[in-house]
Amino acid sequence: KDGPLGLALVPIIIALGALQAATVLATPIPQFAEGGTMQKDGLALVGDGGRREVVRTPDGQLMVTPATDTLMNLPKGSRIYKSIEYVR
């Protein structure tokens, strides 16, 4: 904005943005080579066990992952099975 107050806020805004970026980068992405359940919404690393995994979302949708490291955006409560053979 106009005026001296607007210019004085620029370094503070830049510092807050850098702090938010550092927080995001420092947050580990959950890995599911041994299966598990998503504890919160967000990214998950699936297929990291070198085999195809099955993902079941809370709404009942089923997905099969590739047998290679894959990032997926999953909702909280999604269940990841460590291998396609374990789903019944």
N, C-alpha and C. Protein backbone atom coordinates (compact mmCIF):
# COMPACT_ATOMS: atom_id res chain seq x y z
N LYS A 1 0.83 -1.19 0.00
CA LYS A 1 0.00 0.00 0.00
C LYS A 1 0.87 1.24 0.00
N ASP A 2 0.20 2.37 -0.08
CA ASP A 2 0.92 3.65 -0.09
C ASP A 2 1.38 4.02 1.31
N GLY A 3 2.42 4.81 1.36
CA GLY A 3 2.89 5.33 2.64
C GLY A 3 4.03 4.52 3.22
N PRO A 4 4.65 5.06 4.26
CA PRO A 4 5.82 4.42 4.88
C PRO A 4 5.47 3.10 5.58
N LEU A 5 4.26 2.97 6.10
CA LEU A 5 3.89 1.74 6.80
C LEU A 5 3.86 0.56 5.82
N GLY A 6 3.39 0.80 4.61
CA GLY A 6 3.34 -0.26 3.61
C GLY A 6 4.73 -0.79 3.28
N LEU A 7 5.68 0.10 3.10
CA LEU A 7 7.06 -0.30 2.81
C LEU A 7 7.70 -1.00 4.00
N ALA A 8 7.36 -0.60 5.19
CA ALA A 8 7.95 -1.21 6.39
C ALA A 8 7.47 -2.65 6.57
N LEU A 9 6.31 -2.98 6.05
CA LEU A 9 5.77 -4.32 6.20
C LEU A 9 6.35 -5.32 5.20
N VAL A 10 6.97 -4.87 4.14
CA VAL A 10 7.48 -5.76 3.10
C VAL A 10 8.47 -6.79 3.67
N PRO A 11 9.49 -6.39 4.45
CA PRO A 11 10.41 -7.41 4.98
C PRO A 11 9.71 -8.42 5.90
N ILE A 12 8.73 -7.97 6.65
CA ILE A 12 7.99 -8.87 7.54
C ILE A 12 7.20 -9.89 6.73
N ILE A 13 6.56 -9.44 5.67
CA ILE A 13 5.78 -10.33 4.81
C ILE A 13 6.70 -11.36 4.14
N ILE A 14 7.86 -10.91 3.67
CA ILE A 14 8.83 -11.82 3.05
C ILE A 14 9.31 -12.86 4.06
N ALA A 15 9.61 -12.43 5.28
CA ALA A 15 10.07 -13.36 6.32
C ALA A 15 9.00 -14.38 6.67
N LEU A 16 7.74 -13.96 6.75
CA LEU A 16 6.65 -14.90 7.05
C LEU A 16 6.49 -15.92 5.92
N GLY A 17 6.62 -15.48 4.68
CA GLY A 17 6.54 -16.40 3.54
C GLY A 17 7.67 -17.42 3.57
N ALA A 18 8.88 -16.98 3.90
CA ALA A 18 10.02 -17.89 3.98
C ALA A 18 9.83 -18.89 5.12
N LEU A 19 9.27 -18.45 6.23
CA LEU A 19 9.00 -19.34 7.36
C LEU A 19 7.97 -20.41 6.98
N GLN A 20 6.92 -20.02 6.28
CA GLN A 20 5.91 -20.98 5.84
C GLN A 20 6.51 -22.00 4.86
N ALA A 21 7.33 -21.54 3.94
CA ALA A 21 7.97 -22.44 2.98
C ALA A 21 8.88 -23.43 3.69
N ALA A 22 9.64 -22.97 4.66
CA ALA A 22 10.54 -23.85 5.41
C ALA A 22 9.75 -24.90 6.19
N THR A 23 8.62 -24.51 6.73
CA THR A 23 7.78 -25.46 7.47
C THR A 23 7.27 -26.56 6.55
N VAL A 24 6.82 -26.19 5.37
CA VAL A 24 6.32 -27.18 4.41
C VAL A 24 7.43 -28.12 3.98
N LEU A 25 8.59 -27.59 3.70
CA LEU A 25 9.71 -28.42 3.25
C LEU A 25 10.23 -29.35 4.35
N ALA A 26 10.09 -28.95 5.61
CA ALA A 26 10.59 -29.76 6.72
C ALA A 26 9.60 -30.85 7.15
N THR A 27 8.36 -30.78 6.69
CA THR A 27 7.36 -31.77 7.06
C THR A 27 7.57 -33.04 6.25
N PRO A 28 7.83 -34.17 6.90
CA PRO A 28 8.07 -35.41 6.15
C PRO A 28 6.79 -35.92 5.49
N ILE A 29 6.96 -36.54 4.33
CA ILE A 29 5.83 -37.15 3.63
C ILE A 29 5.70 -38.58 4.13
N PRO A 30 4.49 -38.98 4.58
CA PRO A 30 4.32 -40.34 5.07
C PRO A 30 4.64 -41.37 3.98
N GLN A 31 5.30 -42.46 4.39
CA GLN A 31 5.66 -43.54 3.48
C GLN A 31 4.95 -44.81 3.92
N PHE A 32 4.50 -45.61 2.95
CA PHE A 32 3.65 -46.74 3.26
C PHE A 32 4.14 -48.06 2.67
N ALA A 33 5.44 -48.30 2.67
CA ALA A 33 5.97 -49.57 2.16
C ALA A 33 5.41 -50.75 2.95
N GLU A 34 5.10 -50.54 4.22
CA GLU A 34 4.54 -51.59 5.07
C GLU A 34 3.05 -51.40 5.31
N GLY A 35 2.41 -50.53 4.54
CA GLY A 35 0.99 -50.27 4.71
C GLY A 35 0.75 -49.28 5.84
N GLY A 36 -0.52 -48.95 6.07
CA GLY A 36 -0.86 -48.02 7.14
C GLY A 36 -2.08 -47.20 6.80
N THR A 37 -2.35 -46.21 7.66
CA THR A 37 -3.51 -45.35 7.51
C THR A 37 -3.08 -43.89 7.54
N MET A 38 -3.63 -43.10 6.66
CA MET A 38 -3.33 -41.66 6.64
C MET A 38 -3.92 -41.01 7.89
N GLN A 39 -3.09 -40.25 8.61
CA GLN A 39 -3.52 -39.58 9.83
C GLN A 39 -4.07 -38.18 9.58
N LYS A 40 -3.79 -37.63 8.38
CA LYS A 40 -4.31 -36.32 8.01
C LYS A 40 -4.35 -36.22 6.49
N ASP A 41 -5.08 -35.27 5.97
CA ASP A 41 -5.12 -35.05 4.52
C ASP A 41 -3.74 -34.64 4.04
N GLY A 42 -3.36 -35.08 2.85
CA GLY A 42 -2.10 -34.62 2.29
C GLY A 42 -1.42 -35.65 1.41
N LEU A 43 -0.15 -35.36 1.11
CA LEU A 43 0.63 -36.23 0.24
C LEU A 43 1.07 -37.49 0.98
N ALA A 44 1.15 -38.57 0.22
CA ALA A 44 1.64 -39.85 0.73
C ALA A 44 2.51 -40.49 -0.33
N LEU A 45 3.56 -41.17 0.10
CA LEU A 45 4.43 -41.91 -0.81
C LEU A 45 3.97 -43.36 -0.80
N VAL A 46 3.48 -43.83 -1.94
CA VAL A 46 3.01 -45.20 -2.08
C VAL A 46 3.82 -45.90 -3.17
N GLY A 47 3.76 -47.21 -3.20
CA GLY A 47 4.55 -47.96 -4.18
C GLY A 47 6.02 -48.03 -3.82
N ASP A 48 6.37 -47.51 -2.64
CA ASP A 48 7.78 -47.43 -2.25
C ASP A 48 8.34 -48.77 -1.79
N GLY A 49 7.51 -49.79 -1.66
CA GLY A 49 7.99 -51.12 -1.32
C GLY A 49 8.39 -51.91 -2.55
N GLY A 50 8.32 -51.31 -3.74
CA GLY A 50 8.67 -51.99 -4.98
C GLY A 50 7.59 -52.94 -5.46
N ARG A 51 6.39 -52.80 -4.91
CA ARG A 51 5.27 -53.63 -5.35
C ARG A 51 4.00 -52.78 -5.40
N ARG A 52 3.04 -53.28 -6.13
CA ARG A 52 1.78 -52.57 -6.25
C ARG A 52 1.02 -52.64 -4.94
N GLU A 53 0.48 -51.51 -4.52
CA GLU A 53 -0.28 -51.42 -3.28
C GLU A 53 -1.72 -51.05 -3.60
N VAL A 54 -2.61 -51.33 -2.67
CA VAL A 54 -4.01 -50.95 -2.82
C VAL A 54 -4.32 -49.85 -1.82
N VAL A 55 -5.00 -48.82 -2.29
CA VAL A 55 -5.41 -47.71 -1.45
C VAL A 55 -6.94 -47.72 -1.39
N ARG A 56 -7.47 -47.68 -0.17
CA ARG A 56 -8.92 -47.56 0.01
C ARG A 56 -9.19 -46.25 0.74
N THR A 57 -9.94 -45.35 0.10
CA THR A 57 -10.26 -44.06 0.69
C THR A 57 -11.46 -44.23 1.63
N PRO A 58 -11.69 -43.26 2.52
CA PRO A 58 -12.82 -43.36 3.45
C PRO A 58 -14.18 -43.49 2.77
N ASP A 59 -14.29 -42.99 1.54
CA ASP A 59 -15.58 -43.11 0.84
C ASP A 59 -15.71 -44.43 0.08
N GLY A 60 -14.72 -45.34 0.25
CA GLY A 60 -14.80 -46.67 -0.33
C GLY A 60 -14.14 -46.83 -1.69
N GLN A 61 -13.57 -45.78 -2.23
CA GLN A 61 -12.90 -45.87 -3.53
C GLN A 61 -11.62 -46.70 -3.39
N LEU A 62 -11.39 -47.61 -4.34
CA LEU A 62 -10.18 -48.43 -4.36
C LEU A 62 -9.29 -48.03 -5.52
N MET A 63 -7.98 -47.98 -5.26
CA MET A 63 -7.00 -47.65 -6.30
C MET A 63 -5.82 -48.59 -6.15
N VAL A 64 -5.21 -48.98 -7.26
CA VAL A 64 -4.00 -49.78 -7.24
C VAL A 64 -2.86 -48.88 -7.70
N THR A 65 -1.77 -48.86 -6.92
CA THR A 65 -0.64 -47.99 -7.24
C THR A 65 0.32 -48.69 -8.18
N PRO A 66 1.16 -47.93 -8.86
CA PRO A 66 2.26 -48.54 -9.61
C PRO A 66 3.25 -49.17 -8.62
N ALA A 67 4.12 -50.03 -9.10
CA ALA A 67 5.12 -50.68 -8.26
C ALA A 67 6.39 -49.84 -8.18
N THR A 68 6.24 -48.55 -8.16
CA THR A 68 7.36 -47.63 -8.06
C THR A 68 6.94 -46.44 -7.20
N ASP A 69 7.91 -45.71 -6.66
CA ASP A 69 7.60 -44.57 -5.81
C ASP A 69 6.62 -43.62 -6.50
N THR A 70 5.50 -43.35 -5.84
CA THR A 70 4.45 -42.51 -6.40
C THR A 70 3.89 -41.61 -5.30
N LEU A 71 3.78 -40.31 -5.57
CA LEU A 71 3.15 -39.39 -4.63
C LEU A 71 1.66 -39.30 -4.95
N MET A 72 0.84 -39.46 -3.92
CA MET A 72 -0.61 -39.33 -4.08
C MET A 72 -1.12 -38.36 -3.02
N ASN A 73 -2.14 -37.59 -3.38
CA ASN A 73 -2.82 -36.74 -2.42
C ASN A 73 -4.00 -37.52 -1.88
N LEU A 74 -3.96 -37.90 -0.60
CA LEU A 74 -4.97 -38.77 -0.02
C LEU A 74 -5.68 -38.10 1.15
N PRO A 75 -6.96 -38.40 1.34
CA PRO A 75 -7.68 -37.85 2.48
C PRO A 75 -7.36 -38.63 3.77
N LYS A 76 -7.58 -37.97 4.89
CA LYS A 76 -7.40 -38.60 6.19
C LYS A 76 -8.26 -39.86 6.27
N GLY A 77 -7.70 -40.90 6.84
CA GLY A 77 -8.43 -42.15 6.99
C GLY A 77 -8.24 -43.13 5.85
N SER A 78 -7.54 -42.72 4.80
CA SER A 78 -7.26 -43.65 3.69
C SER A 78 -6.39 -44.78 4.21
N ARG A 79 -6.69 -46.00 3.78
CA ARG A 79 -5.94 -47.18 4.22
C ARG A 79 -5.10 -47.67 3.06
N ILE A 80 -3.79 -47.86 3.31
CA ILE A 80 -2.88 -48.35 2.29
C ILE A 80 -2.47 -49.77 2.68
N TYR A 81 -2.71 -50.72 1.79
CA TYR A 81 -2.34 -52.12 2.02
C TYR A 81 -0.99 -52.36 1.35
N LYS A 82 -0.06 -53.02 2.04
CA LYS A 82 1.32 -53.11 1.58
C LYS A 82 1.51 -53.92 0.32
N SER A 83 0.56 -54.71 -0.06
CA SER A 83 0.67 -55.47 -1.29
C SER A 83 -0.73 -55.84 -1.76
N ILE A 84 -0.88 -55.96 -3.05
CA ILE A 84 -2.18 -56.29 -3.61
C ILE A 84 -2.68 -57.64 -3.13
N GLU A 85 -1.75 -58.54 -2.71
CA GLU A 85 -2.14 -59.87 -2.25
C GLU A 85 -2.83 -59.84 -0.88
N TYR A 86 -2.68 -58.76 -0.09
CA TYR A 86 -3.20 -58.72 1.26
C TYR A 86 -4.63 -58.22 1.35
N VAL A 87 -5.22 -57.77 0.26
CA VAL A 87 -6.57 -57.21 0.29
C VAL A 87 -7.58 -58.33 0.12
N ARG A 88 -8.57 -58.37 1.00
CA ARG A 88 -9.63 -59.38 0.91
C ARG A 88 -10.97 -58.72 1.03
